[in-house]
PDB file of N, CA and C in Angstrom:
ATOM      1  N   MET A   1     183.502  80.670  80.734  1.00  0.00           N
ATOM      2  CA  MET A   1     182.510  79.793  80.117  1.00  0.00           C
ATOM      3  C   MET A   1     182.864  78.342  80.447  1.00  0.00           C
ATOM      4  N   VAL A   2     181.848  77.597  80.869  1.00  0.00           N
ATOM      5  CA  VAL A   2     182.012  76.178  81.154  1.00  0.00           C
ATOM      6  C   VAL A   2     180.929  75.419  80.398  1.00  0.00           C
ATOM      7  N   SER A   3     181.228  74.164  80.049  1.00  0.00           N
ATOM      8  CA  SER A   3     180.230  73.368  79.327  1.00  0.00           C
ATOM      9  C   SER A   3     180.436  71.890  79.618  1.00  0.00           C
ATOM     10  N   LYS A   4     179.398  71.118  79.314  1.00  0.00           N
ATOM     11  CA  LYS A   4     179.478  69.672  79.484  1.00  0.00           C
ATOM     12  C   LYS A   4     178.509  69.037  78.510  1.00  0.00           C
ATOM     13  N   LYS A   5     178.963  67.946  77.879  1.00  0.00           N
ATOM     14  CA  LYS A   5     178.095  67.168  76.988  1.00  0.00           C
ATOM     15  C   LYS A   5     177.430  66.065  77.800  1.00  0.00           C
ATOM     16  N   LEU A   6     176.138  65.883  77.561  1.00  0.00           N
ATOM     17  CA  LEU A   6     175.341  64.893  78.286  1.00  0.00           C
ATOM     18  C   LEU A   6     174.398  64.198  77.314  1.00  0.00           C
ATOM     19  N   THR A   7     173.923  63.045  77.731  1.00  0.00           N
ATOM     20  CA  THR A   7     172.885  62.349  76.976  1.00  0.00           C
ATOM     21  C   THR A   7     171.608  62.380  77.798  1.00  0.00           C
ATOM     22  N   LEU A   8     170.528  62.841  77.184  1.00  0.00           N
ATOM     23  CA  LEU A   8     169.238  62.920  77.870  1.00  0.00           C
ATOM     24  C   LEU A   8     168.692  61.499  78.036  1.00  0.00           C
ATOM     25  N   THR A   9     168.409  61.112  79.265  1.00  0.00           N
ATOM     26  CA  THR A   9     168.009  59.729  79.530  1.00  0.00           C
ATOM     27  C   THR A   9     166.559  59.556  79.960  1.00  0.00           C
ATOM     28  N   ASN A  10     165.867  60.642  80.307  1.00  0.00           N
ATOM     29  CA  ASN A  10     164.483  60.419  80.727  1.00  0.00           C
ATOM     30  C   ASN A  10     163.636  59.997  79.523  1.00  0.00           C
ATOM     31  N   PRO A  11     162.741  59.028  79.725  1.00  0.00           N
ATOM     32  CA  PRO A  11     162.052  58.354  78.614  1.00  0.00           C
ATOM     33  C   PRO A  11     161.299  59.269  77.646  1.00  0.00           C
ATOM     34  N   GLN A  12     160.725  60.339  78.122  1.00  0.00           N
ATOM     35  CA  GLN A  12     159.915  61.198  77.260  1.00  0.00           C
ATOM     36  C   GLN A  12     160.678  62.405  76.720  1.00  0.00           C
ATOM     37  N   GLY A  13     161.970  62.513  77.023  1.00  0.00           N
ATOM     38  CA  GLY A  13     162.743  63.663  76.557  1.00  0.00           C
ATOM     39  C   GLY A  13     162.328  64.930  77.300  1.00  0.00           C
ATOM     40  N   PHE A  14     162.589  66.074  76.682  1.00  0.00           N
ATOM     41  CA  PHE A  14     162.243  67.372  77.288  1.00  0.00           C
ATOM     42  C   PHE A  14     160.814  67.732  76.923  1.00  0.00           C
ATOM     43  N   HIS A  15     159.830  67.095  77.559  1.00  0.00           N
ATOM     44  CA  HIS A  15     158.441  67.508  77.354  1.00  0.00           C
ATOM     45  C   HIS A  15     158.110  68.561  78.402  1.00  0.00           C
ATOM     46  N   MET A  16     156.858  68.939  78.541  1.00  0.00           N
ATOM     47  CA  MET A  16     156.454  70.101  79.334  1.00  0.00           C
ATOM     48  C   MET A  16     156.966  70.089  80.780  1.00  0.00           C
ATOM     49  N   ARG A  17     156.746  69.025  81.509  1.00  0.00           N
ATOM     50  CA  ARG A  17     157.109  69.015  82.928  1.00  0.00           C
ATOM     51  C   ARG A  17     158.621  69.116  83.162  1.00  0.00           C
ATOM     52  N   PRO A  18     159.443  68.249  82.553  1.00  0.00           N
ATOM     53  CA  PRO A  18     160.876  68.383  82.783  1.00  0.00           C
ATOM     54  C   PRO A  18     161.467  69.672  82.199  1.00  0.00           C
ATOM     55  N   ALA A  19     160.925  70.140  81.089  1.00  0.00           N
ATOM     56  CA  ALA A  19     161.416  71.391  80.504  1.00  0.00           C
ATOM     57  C   ALA A  19     161.107  72.563  81.438  1.00  0.00           C
ATOM     58  N   SER A  20     159.932  72.540  82.039  1.00  0.00           N
ATOM     59  CA  SER A  20     159.555  73.583  82.993  1.00  0.00           C
ATOM     60  C   SER A  20     160.450  73.546  84.227  1.00  0.00           C
ATOM     61  N   LEU A  21     160.693  72.357  84.740  1.00  0.00           N
ATOM     62  CA  LEU A  21     161.580  72.184  85.894  1.00  0.00           C
ATOM     63  C   LEU A  21     162.976  72.711  85.576  1.00  0.00           C
ATOM     64  N   PHE A  22     163.491  72.367  84.412  1.00  0.00           N
ATOM     65  CA  PHE A  22     164.839  72.776  84.026  1.00  0.00           C
ATOM     66  C   PHE A  22     164.923  74.287  83.818  1.00  0.00           C
ATOM     67  N   ALA A  23     163.962  74.861  83.098  1.00  0.00           N
ATOM     68  CA  ALA A  23     163.967  76.307  82.843  1.00  0.00           C
ATOM     69  C   ALA A  23     163.854  77.095  84.143  1.00  0.00           C
ATOM     70  N   SER A  24     163.010  76.628  85.055  1.00  0.00           N
ATOM     71  CA  SER A  24     162.865  77.307  86.352  1.00  0.00           C
ATOM     72  C   SER A  24     164.159  77.250  87.149  1.00  0.00           C
ATOM     73  N   ALA A  25     164.797  76.098  87.155  1.00  0.00           N
ATOM     74  CA  ALA A  25     166.051  75.935  87.896  1.00  0.00           C
ATOM     75  C   ALA A  25     167.144  76.828  87.318  1.00  0.00           C
ATOM     76  N   MET A  26     167.232  76.917  86.012  1.00  0.00           N
ATOM     77  CA  MET A  26     168.277  77.725  85.383  1.00  0.00           C
ATOM     78  C   MET A  26     167.981  79.224  85.489  1.00  0.00           C
ATOM     79  N   GLY A  27     166.707  79.569  85.607  1.00  0.00           N
ATOM     80  CA  GLY A  27     166.298  80.967  85.694  1.00  0.00           C
ATOM     81  C   GLY A  27     166.799  81.695  86.926  1.00  0.00           C
ATOM     82  N   LYS A  28     167.165  80.955  87.963  1.00  0.00           N
ATOM     83  CA  LYS A  28     167.634  81.608  89.189  1.00  0.00           C
ATOM     84  C   LYS A  28     169.101  82.029  89.116  1.00  0.00           C
ATOM     85  N   TYR A  29     169.785  81.656  88.039  1.00  0.00           N
ATOM     86  CA  TYR A  29     171.194  82.027  87.870  1.00  0.00           C
ATOM     87  C   TYR A  29     171.317  83.264  86.985  1.00  0.00           C
ATOM     88  N   SER A  30     172.322  84.082  87.267  1.00  0.00           N
ATOM     89  CA  SER A  30     172.509  85.303  86.473  1.00  0.00           C
ATOM     90  C   SER A  30     173.248  85.039  85.169  1.00  0.00           C
ATOM     91  N   CYS A  31     173.971  83.925  85.090  1.00  0.00           N
ATOM     92  CA  CYS A  31     174.732  83.621  83.871  1.00  0.00           C
ATOM     93  C   CYS A  31     173.796  83.194  82.736  1.00  0.00           C
ATOM     94  N   ASP A  32     174.324  83.249  81.519  1.00  0.00           N
ATOM     95  CA  ASP A  32     173.592  82.722  80.366  1.00  0.00           C
ATOM     96  C   ASP A  32     173.716  81.208  80.380  1.00  0.00           C
ATOM     97  N   VAL A  33     172.597  80.507  80.139  1.00  0.00           N
ATOM     98  CA  VAL A  33     172.606  79.047  80.079  1.00  0.00           C
ATOM     99  C   VAL A  33     172.020  78.652  78.723  1.00  0.00           C
ATOM    100  N   THR A  34     172.797  77.896  77.965  1.00  0.00           N
ATOM    101  CA  THR A  34     172.405  77.519  76.612  1.00  0.00           C
ATOM    102  C   THR A  34     172.466  76.010  76.456  1.00  0.00           C
ATOM    103  N   ILE A  35     171.481  75.470  75.737  1.00  0.00           N
ATOM    104  CA  ILE A  35     171.510  74.060  75.358  1.00  0.00           C
ATOM    105  C   ILE A  35     171.874  74.013  73.883  1.00  0.00           C
ATOM    106  N   LYS A  36     172.970  73.343  73.562  1.00  0.00           N
ATOM    107  CA  LYS A  36     173.367  73.155  72.165  1.00  0.00           C
ATOM    108  C   LYS A  36     172.863  71.779  71.724  1.00  0.00           C
ATOM    109  N   PHE A  37     172.064  71.776  70.665  1.00  0.00           N
ATOM    110  CA  PHE A  37     171.483  70.533  70.167  1.00  0.00           C
ATOM    111  C   PHE A  37     171.273  70.644  68.660  1.00  0.00           C
ATOM    112  N   ASN A  38     171.717  69.648  67.925  1.00  0.00           N
ATOM    113  CA  ASN A  38     171.560  69.610  66.461  1.00  0.00           C
ATOM    114  C   ASN A  38     172.086  70.866  65.777  1.00  0.00           C
ATOM    115  N   GLY A  39     173.193  71.391  66.273  1.00  0.00           N
ATOM    116  CA  GLY A  39     173.797  72.559  65.646  1.00  0.00           C
ATOM    117  C   GLY A  39     173.141  73.885  65.970  1.00  0.00           C
ATOM    118  N   ASN A  40     172.163  73.874  66.875  1.00  0.00           N
ATOM    119  CA  ASN A  40     171.462  75.099  67.247  1.00  0.00           C
ATOM    120  C   ASN A  40     171.657  75.395  68.732  1.00  0.00           C
ATOM    121  N   ASP A  41     171.558  76.667  69.082  1.00  0.00           N
ATOM    122  CA  ASP A  41     171.621  77.098  70.480  1.00  0.00           C
ATOM    123  C   ASP A  41     170.218  77.430  70.954  1.00  0.00           C
ATOM    124  N   HIS A  42     169.872  76.928  72.146  1.00  0.00           N
ATOM    125  CA  HIS A  42     168.544  77.161  72.716  1.00  0.00           C
ATOM    126  C   HIS A  42     168.699  77.742  74.114  1.00  0.00           C
ATOM    127  N   ASN A  43     167.952  78.795  74.405  1.00  0.00           N
ATOM    128  CA  ASN A  43     167.990  79.432  75.714  1.00  0.00           C
ATOM    129  C   ASN A  43     167.401  78.474  76.748  1.00  0.00           C
ATOM    130  N   ALA A  44     168.234  78.025  77.700  1.00  0.00           N
ATOM    131  CA  ALA A  44     167.796  77.038  78.689  1.00  0.00           C
ATOM    132  C   ALA A  44     166.945  77.650  79.791  1.00  0.00           C
ATOM    133  N   LYS A  45     166.769  78.962  79.774  1.00  0.00           N
ATOM    134  CA  LYS A  45     165.912  79.620  80.761  1.00  0.00           C
ATOM    135  C   LYS A  45     164.498  79.814  80.214  1.00  0.00           C
ATOM    136  N   SER A  46     164.279  79.423  78.959  1.00  0.00           N
ATOM    137  CA  SER A  46     162.988  79.613  78.304  1.00  0.00           C
ATOM    138  C   SER A  46     162.304  78.264  78.070  1.00  0.00           C
ATOM    139  N   LEU A  47     161.179  78.065  78.716  1.00  0.00           N
ATOM    140  CA  LEU A  47     160.405  76.840  78.551  1.00  0.00           C
ATOM    141  C   LEU A  47     160.081  76.595  77.075  1.00  0.00           C
ATOM    142  N   LEU A  48     159.629  77.623  76.384  1.00  0.00           N
ATOM    143  CA  LEU A  48     159.243  77.457  74.984  1.00  0.00           C
ATOM    144  C   LEU A  48     160.435  77.125  74.096  1.00  0.00           C
ATOM    145  N   ASN A  49     161.600  77.722  74.387  1.00  0.00           N
ATOM    146  CA  ASN A  49     162.807  77.398  73.614  1.00  0.00           C
ATOM    147  C   ASN A  49     163.202  75.941  73.797  1.00  0.00           C
ATOM    148  N   ILE A  50     163.100  75.446  75.020  1.00  0.00           N
ATOM    149  CA  ILE A  50     163.465  74.052  75.300  1.00  0.00           C
ATOM    150  C   ILE A  50     162.512  73.104  74.585  1.00  0.00           C
ATOM    151  N   ILE A  51     161.226  73.375  74.674  1.00  0.00           N
ATOM    152  CA  ILE A  51     160.238  72.502  74.029  1.00  0.00           C
ATOM    153  C   ILE A  51     160.379  72.561  72.504  1.00  0.00           C
ATOM    154  N   ALA A  52     160.639  73.739  71.969  1.00  0.00           N
ATOM    155  CA  ALA A  52     160.789  73.900  70.521  1.00  0.00           C
ATOM    156  C   ALA A  52     162.006  73.143  69.982  1.00  0.00           C
ATOM    157  N   ALA A  53     162.982  72.867  70.843  1.00  0.00           N
ATOM    158  CA  ALA A  53     164.180  72.142  70.404  1.00  0.00           C
ATOM    159  C   ALA A  53     163.888  70.674  70.096  1.00  0.00           C
ATOM    160  N   CYS A  54     162.767  70.137  70.596  1.00  0.00           N
ATOM    161  CA  CYS A  54     162.362  68.742  70.356  1.00  0.00           C
ATOM    162  C   CYS A  54     163.478  67.755  70.734  1.00  0.00           C
ATOM    163  N   ILE A  55     163.965  67.865  71.955  1.00  0.00           N
ATOM    164  CA  ILE A  55     165.051  66.999  72.417  1.00  0.00           C
ATOM    165  C   ILE A  55     164.444  65.716  72.978  1.00  0.00           C
ATOM    166  N   LYS A  56     164.743  64.611  72.345  1.00  0.00           N
ATOM    167  CA  LYS A  56     164.180  63.307  72.707  1.00  0.00           C
ATOM    168  C   LYS A  56     165.150  62.499  73.564  1.00  0.00           C
ATOM    169  N   CYS A  57     164.645  61.423  74.149  1.00  0.00           N
ATOM    170  CA  CYS A  57     165.473  60.509  74.930  1.00  0.00           C
ATOM    171  C   CYS A  57     166.609  59.973  74.063  1.00  0.00           C
ATOM    172  N   GLY A  58     167.804  59.934  74.633  1.00  0.00           N
ATOM    173  CA  GLY A  58     168.964  59.441  73.912  1.00  0.00           C
ATOM    174  C   GLY A  58     169.714  60.506  73.133  1.00  0.00           C
ATOM    175  N   SER A  59     169.180  61.725  73.093  1.00  0.00           N
ATOM    176  CA  SER A  59     169.839  62.812  72.371  1.00  0.00           C
ATOM    177  C   SER A  59     171.045  63.312  73.150  1.00  0.00           C
ATOM    178  N   GLU A  60     172.114  63.619  72.426  1.00  0.00           N
ATOM    179  CA  GLU A  60     173.288  64.211  73.061  1.00  0.00           C
ATOM    180  C   GLU A  60     173.166  65.725  72.966  1.00  0.00           C
ATOM    181  N   ILE A  61     173.293  66.380  74.121  1.00  0.00           N
ATOM    182  CA  ILE A  61     173.209  67.833  74.190  1.00  0.00           C
ATOM    183  C   ILE A  61     174.467  68.360  74.882  1.00  0.00           C
ATOM    184  N   GLU A  62     174.699  69.646  74.719  1.00  0.00           N
ATOM    185  CA  GLU A  62     175.776  70.299  75.449  1.00  0.00           C
ATOM    186  C   GLU A  62     175.176  71.470  76.209  1.00  0.00           C
ATOM    187  N   ILE A  63     175.434  71.525  77.506  1.00  0.00           N
ATOM    188  CA  ILE A  63     174.996  72.638  78.334  1.00  0.00           C
ATOM    189  C   ILE A  63     176.167  73.606  78.430  1.00  0.00           C
ATOM    190  N   VAL A  64     175.938  74.867  78.095  1.00  0.00           N
ATOM    191  CA  VAL A  64     176.979  75.892  78.155  1.00  0.00           C
ATOM    192  C   VAL A  64     176.507  77.000  79.094  1.00  0.00           C
ATOM    193  N   CYS A  65     177.333  77.311  80.090  1.00  0.00           N
ATOM    194  CA  CYS A  65     177.020  78.371  81.046  1.00  0.00           C
ATOM    195  C   CYS A  65     178.116  79.424  80.955  1.00  0.00           C
ATOM    196  N   ASP A  66     177.720  80.679  80.896  1.00  0.00           N
ATOM    197  CA  ASP A  66     178.684  81.763  80.741  1.00  0.00           C
ATOM    198  C   ASP A  66     178.257  82.941  81.598  1.00  0.00           C
ATOM    199  N   GLY A  67     179.019  83.211  82.651  1.00  0.00           N
ATOM    200  CA  GLY A  67     178.712  84.346  83.515  1.00  0.00           C
ATOM    201  C   GLY A  67     179.208  84.131  84.931  1.00  0.00           C
ATOM    202  N   ALA A  68     178.759  84.988  85.822  1.00  0.00           N
ATOM    203  CA  ALA A  68     179.277  85.035  87.193  1.00  0.00           C
ATOM    204  C   ALA A  68     179.129  83.725  87.959  1.00  0.00           C
ATOM    205  N   ASP A  69     177.977  83.086  87.867  1.00  0.00           N
ATOM    206  CA  ASP A  69     177.721  81.863  88.643  1.00  0.00           C
ATOM    207  C   ASP A  69     177.650  80.632  87.744  1.00  0.00           C
ATOM    208  N   GLU A  70     178.480  80.620  86.709  1.00  0.00           N
ATOM    209  CA  GLU A  70     178.436  79.557  85.690  1.00  0.00           C
ATOM    210  C   GLU A  70     178.712  78.166  86.252  1.00  0.00           C
ATOM    211  N   ASN A  71     179.628  78.051  87.197  1.00  0.00           N
ATOM    212  CA  ASN A  71     179.949  76.726  87.740  1.00  0.00           C
ATOM    213  C   ASN A  71     178.783  76.136  88.517  1.00  0.00           C
ATOM    214  N   GLU A  72     178.112  76.969  89.299  1.00  0.00           N
ATOM    215  CA  GLU A  72     176.949  76.505  90.065  1.00  0.00           C
ATOM    216  C   GLU A  72     175.807  76.108  89.127  1.00  0.00           C
ATOM    217  N   ALA A  73     175.585  76.921  88.097  1.00  0.00           N
ATOM    218  CA  ALA A  73     174.512  76.634  87.138  1.00  0.00           C
ATOM    219  C   ALA A  73     174.784  75.325  86.404  1.00  0.00           C
ATOM    220  N   LEU A  74     176.020  75.133  85.962  1.00  0.00           N
ATOM    221  CA  LEU A  74     176.355  73.897  85.243  1.00  0.00           C
ATOM    222  C   LEU A  74     176.209  72.683  86.160  1.00  0.00           C
ATOM    223  N   ALA A  75     176.640  72.812  87.408  1.00  0.00           N
ATOM    224  CA  ALA A  75     176.520  71.687  88.343  1.00  0.00           C
ATOM    225  C   ALA A  75     175.065  71.291  88.540  1.00  0.00           C
ATOM    226  N   GLU A  76     174.177  72.279  88.684  1.00  0.00           N
ATOM    227  CA  GLU A  76     172.763  71.948  88.861  1.00  0.00           C
ATOM    228  C   GLU A  76     172.158  71.382  87.583  1.00  0.00           C
ATOM    229  N   ALA A  77     172.527  71.934  86.425  1.00  0.00           N
ATOM    230  CA  ALA A  77     172.014  71.432  85.147  1.00  0.00           C
ATOM    231  C   ALA A  77     172.405  69.968  84.949  1.00  0.00           C
ATOM    232  N   VAL A  78     173.662  69.655  85.226  1.00  0.00           N
ATOM    233  CA  VAL A  78     174.146  68.275  85.089  1.00  0.00           C
ATOM    234  C   VAL A  78     173.408  67.357  86.052  1.00  0.00           C
ATOM    235  N   GLN A  79     173.241  67.797  87.278  1.00  0.00           N
ATOM    236  CA  GLN A  79     172.541  66.982  88.286  1.00  0.00           C
ATOM    237  C   GLN A  79     171.105  66.700  87.857  1.00  0.00           C
ATOM    238  N   LEU A  80     170.419  67.725  87.360  1.00  0.00           N
ATOM    239  CA  LEU A  80     169.028  67.558  86.928  1.00  0.00           C
ATOM    240  C   LEU A  80     168.923  66.558  85.773  1.00  0.00           C
ATOM    241  N   ILE A  81     169.780  66.710  84.785  1.00  0.00           N
ATOM    242  CA  ILE A  81     169.704  65.831  83.617  1.00  0.00           C
ATOM    243  C   ILE A  81     170.108  64.408  83.960  1.00  0.00           C
ATOM    244  N   GLU A  82     171.168  64.252  84.736  1.00  0.00           N
ATOM    245  CA  GLU A  82     171.619  62.907  85.107  1.00  0.00           C
ATOM    246  C   GLU A  82     170.624  62.194  86.020  1.00  0.00           C
ATOM    247  N   SER A  83     169.816  62.951  86.768  1.00  0.00           N
ATOM    248  CA  SER A  83     168.825  62.329  87.643  1.00  0.00           C
ATOM    249  C   SER A  83     167.509  62.042  86.915  1.00  0.00           C
ATOM    250  N   GLY A  84     167.419  62.374  85.627  1.00  0.00           N
ATOM    251  CA  GLY A  84     166.217  62.083  84.856  1.00  0.00           C
ATOM    252  C   GLY A  84     165.168  63.175  84.918  1.00  0.00           C
ATOM    253  N   LEU A  85     165.539  64.356  85.352  1.00  0.00           N
ATOM    254  CA  LEU A  85     164.625  65.507  85.399  1.00  0.00           C
ATOM    255  C   LEU A  85     163.345  65.206  86.176  1.00  0.00           C
ATOM    256  N   GLY A  86     163.498  64.520  87.291  1.00  0.00           N
ATOM    257  CA  GLY A  86     162.361  64.259  88.171  1.00  0.00           C
ATOM    258  C   GLY A  86     161.424  63.170  87.703  1.00  0.00           C
ATOM    259  N   GLU A  87     161.835  62.378  86.726  1.00  0.00           N
ATOM    260  CA  GLU A  87     160.946  61.308  86.229  1.00  0.00           C
ATOM    261  C   GLU A  87     161.522  59.951  86.525  1.00  0.00           C
TER     262      GLU A  87
END
């Protein structure tokens, strides 16, 4: 299991477009990918789970990857979030 804490910096937070981009990117990995936010765990491969988390700009989240390709999944998750999720 690997994890990293990040701050969401894109202005609109995890709304439909960036959440869809993130869920699609994480869906190609076999490991479990979880977003920890406000004491709750959210499935990062599920668009609806990400949107339901209501993660806004400036929120601190933790990405947790657990499984065979966890390092690759975490590296891509970090890259996506640090680049502003395409915005």
